[in-house]
Amino acid sequence: MNRWLPRTYLTLVYLLLYVPIVVLVVFSFNDSRTGYEWGGLSLRWYEALLNNRAMVQAMWNSLWLALSA
């Protein structure tokens, strides 16, 4: 009985950490304007992100900072 309790706890912690990330990645490809309904797969939001000059500059700044740290 003592062996499965830590494994169960660890599994629940990992699920709590990683399930929201997976859901976020999946819904980032959603074509719908709202996050509550599925509108199919699309890269529309990534296209809008890459067409925004300020966001691209912020991404480059973050990448530069991460690599120099």
C-alpha atoms as a PDB file:
ATOM      1  CA  MET A   1       0.000   0.000   0.000  1.00  0.00           C
ATOM      2  CA  ASN A   2       2.835   2.408   0.729  1.00  0.00           C
ATOM      3  CA  ARG A   3       4.387   1.936  -2.713  1.00  0.00           C
ATOM      4  CA  TRP A   4       1.503   3.180  -4.812  1.00  0.00           C
ATOM      5  CA  LEU A   5       0.737   6.287  -2.744  1.00  0.00           C
ATOM      6  CA  PRO A   6       3.866   8.286  -3.725  1.00  0.00           C
ATOM      7  CA  ARG A   7       3.486   7.247  -7.363  1.00  0.00           C
ATOM      8  CA  THR A   8      -0.143   8.316  -7.390  1.00  0.00           C
ATOM      9  CA  TYR A   9       0.732  11.636  -5.798  1.00  0.00           C
ATOM     10  CA  LEU A  10       3.559  12.224  -8.286  1.00  0.00           C
ATOM     11  CA  THR A  11       1.298  11.335 -11.205  1.00  0.00           C
ATOM     12  CA  LEU A  12      -1.345  13.801 -10.022  1.00  0.00           C
ATOM     13  CA  VAL A  13       1.259  16.550  -9.641  1.00  0.00           C
ATOM     14  CA  TYR A  14       2.587  15.930 -13.157  1.00  0.00           C
ATOM     15  CA  LEU A  15      -0.940  15.967 -14.557  1.00  0.00           C
ATOM     16  CA  LEU A  16      -1.649  19.225 -12.765  1.00  0.00           C
ATOM     17  CA  LEU A  17       1.466  20.761 -14.303  1.00  0.00           C
ATOM     18  CA  TYR A  18       1.334  19.419 -17.858  1.00  0.00           C
ATOM     19  CA  VAL A  19      -2.354  19.077 -18.787  1.00  0.00           C
ATOM     20  CA  PRO A  20      -2.910  22.867 -18.921  1.00  0.00           C
ATOM     21  CA  ILE A  21       0.140  23.253 -21.174  1.00  0.00           C
ATOM     22  CA  VAL A  22      -1.098  20.557 -23.550  1.00  0.00           C
ATOM     23  CA  VAL A  23      -4.590  22.094 -23.642  1.00  0.00           C
ATOM     24  CA  LEU A  24      -3.088  25.512 -24.375  1.00  0.00           C
ATOM     25  CA  VAL A  25      -1.001  24.164 -27.256  1.00  0.00           C
ATOM     26  CA  VAL A  26      -3.954  22.271 -28.749  1.00  0.00           C
ATOM     27  CA  PHE A  27      -6.277  25.274 -28.529  1.00  0.00           C
ATOM     28  CA  SER A  28      -3.645  27.576 -30.010  1.00  0.00           C
ATOM     29  CA  PHE A  29      -4.395  25.869 -33.334  1.00  0.00           C
ATOM     30  CA  ASN A  30      -8.160  26.442 -32.973  1.00  0.00           C
ATOM     31  CA  ASP A  31      -9.733  28.443 -35.808  1.00  0.00           C
ATOM     32  CA  SER A  32     -12.565  29.797 -33.648  1.00  0.00           C
ATOM     33  CA  ARG A  33     -12.381  33.313 -32.209  1.00  0.00           C
ATOM     34  CA  THR A  34     -13.477  32.001 -28.821  1.00  0.00           C
ATOM     35  CA  GLY A  35     -11.766  29.257 -26.893  1.00  0.00           C
ATOM     36  CA  TYR A  36     -15.021  27.568 -25.934  1.00  0.00           C
ATOM     37  CA  GLU A  37     -15.879  25.992 -29.266  1.00  0.00           C
ATOM     38  CA  TRP A  38     -13.725  24.067 -31.682  1.00  0.00           C
ATOM     39  CA  GLY A  39     -13.585  25.588 -35.154  1.00  0.00           C
ATOM     40  CA  GLY A  40     -11.030  23.303 -36.767  1.00  0.00           C
ATOM     41  CA  LEU A  41      -7.284  23.472 -37.175  1.00  0.00           C
ATOM     42  CA  SER A  42      -5.665  26.684 -38.326  1.00  0.00           C
ATOM     43  CA  LEU A  43      -2.396  28.598 -38.167  1.00  0.00           C
ATOM     44  CA  ARG A  44      -4.282  31.905 -38.276  1.00  0.00           C
ATOM     45  CA  TRP A  45      -3.242  33.016 -34.795  1.00  0.00           C
ATOM     46  CA  TYR A  46       0.411  32.242 -35.434  1.00  0.00           C
ATOM     47  CA  GLU A  47       0.231  34.189 -38.698  1.00  0.00           C
ATOM     48  CA  ALA A  48      -1.244  37.164 -36.839  1.00  0.00           C
ATOM     49  CA  LEU A  49       1.486  36.864 -34.220  1.00  0.00           C
ATOM     50  CA  LEU A  50       4.270  36.834 -36.806  1.00  0.00           C
ATOM     51  CA  ASN A  51       2.739  39.794 -38.662  1.00  0.00           C
ATOM     52  CA  ASN A  52       2.847  41.913 -35.496  1.00  0.00           C
ATOM     53  CA  ARG A  53       6.215  43.700 -35.566  1.00  0.00           C
ATOM     54  CA  ALA A  54       6.224  44.483 -31.830  1.00  0.00           C
ATOM     55  CA  MET A  55       5.586  40.834 -30.921  1.00  0.00           C
ATOM     56  CA  VAL A  56       8.341  39.603 -33.230  1.00  0.00           C
ATOM     57  CA  GLN A  57      10.761  42.111 -31.690  1.00  0.00           C
ATOM     58  CA  ALA A  58       9.730  40.968 -28.206  1.00  0.00           C
ATOM     59  CA  MET A  59      10.329  37.327 -29.180  1.00  0.00           C
ATOM     60  CA  TRP A  60      13.803  38.160 -30.509  1.00  0.00           C
ATOM     61  CA  ASN A  61      14.593  40.105 -27.331  1.00  0.00           C
ATOM     62  CA  SER A  62      13.461  37.161 -25.197  1.00  0.00           C
ATOM     63  CA  LEU A  63      15.490  34.708 -27.252  1.00  0.00           C
ATOM     64  CA  TRP A  64      18.590  36.919 -27.066  1.00  0.00           C
ATOM     65  CA  LEU A  65      18.189  37.332 -23.316  1.00  0.00           C
ATOM     66  CA  ALA A  66      17.674  33.590 -22.778  1.00  0.00           C
ATOM     67  CA  LEU A  67      20.744  32.687 -24.825  1.00  0.00           C
ATOM     68  CA  SER A  68      22.943  35.264 -23.125  1.00  0.00           C
ATOM     69  CA  ALA A  69      21.940  34.256 -19.589  1.00  0.00           C
END
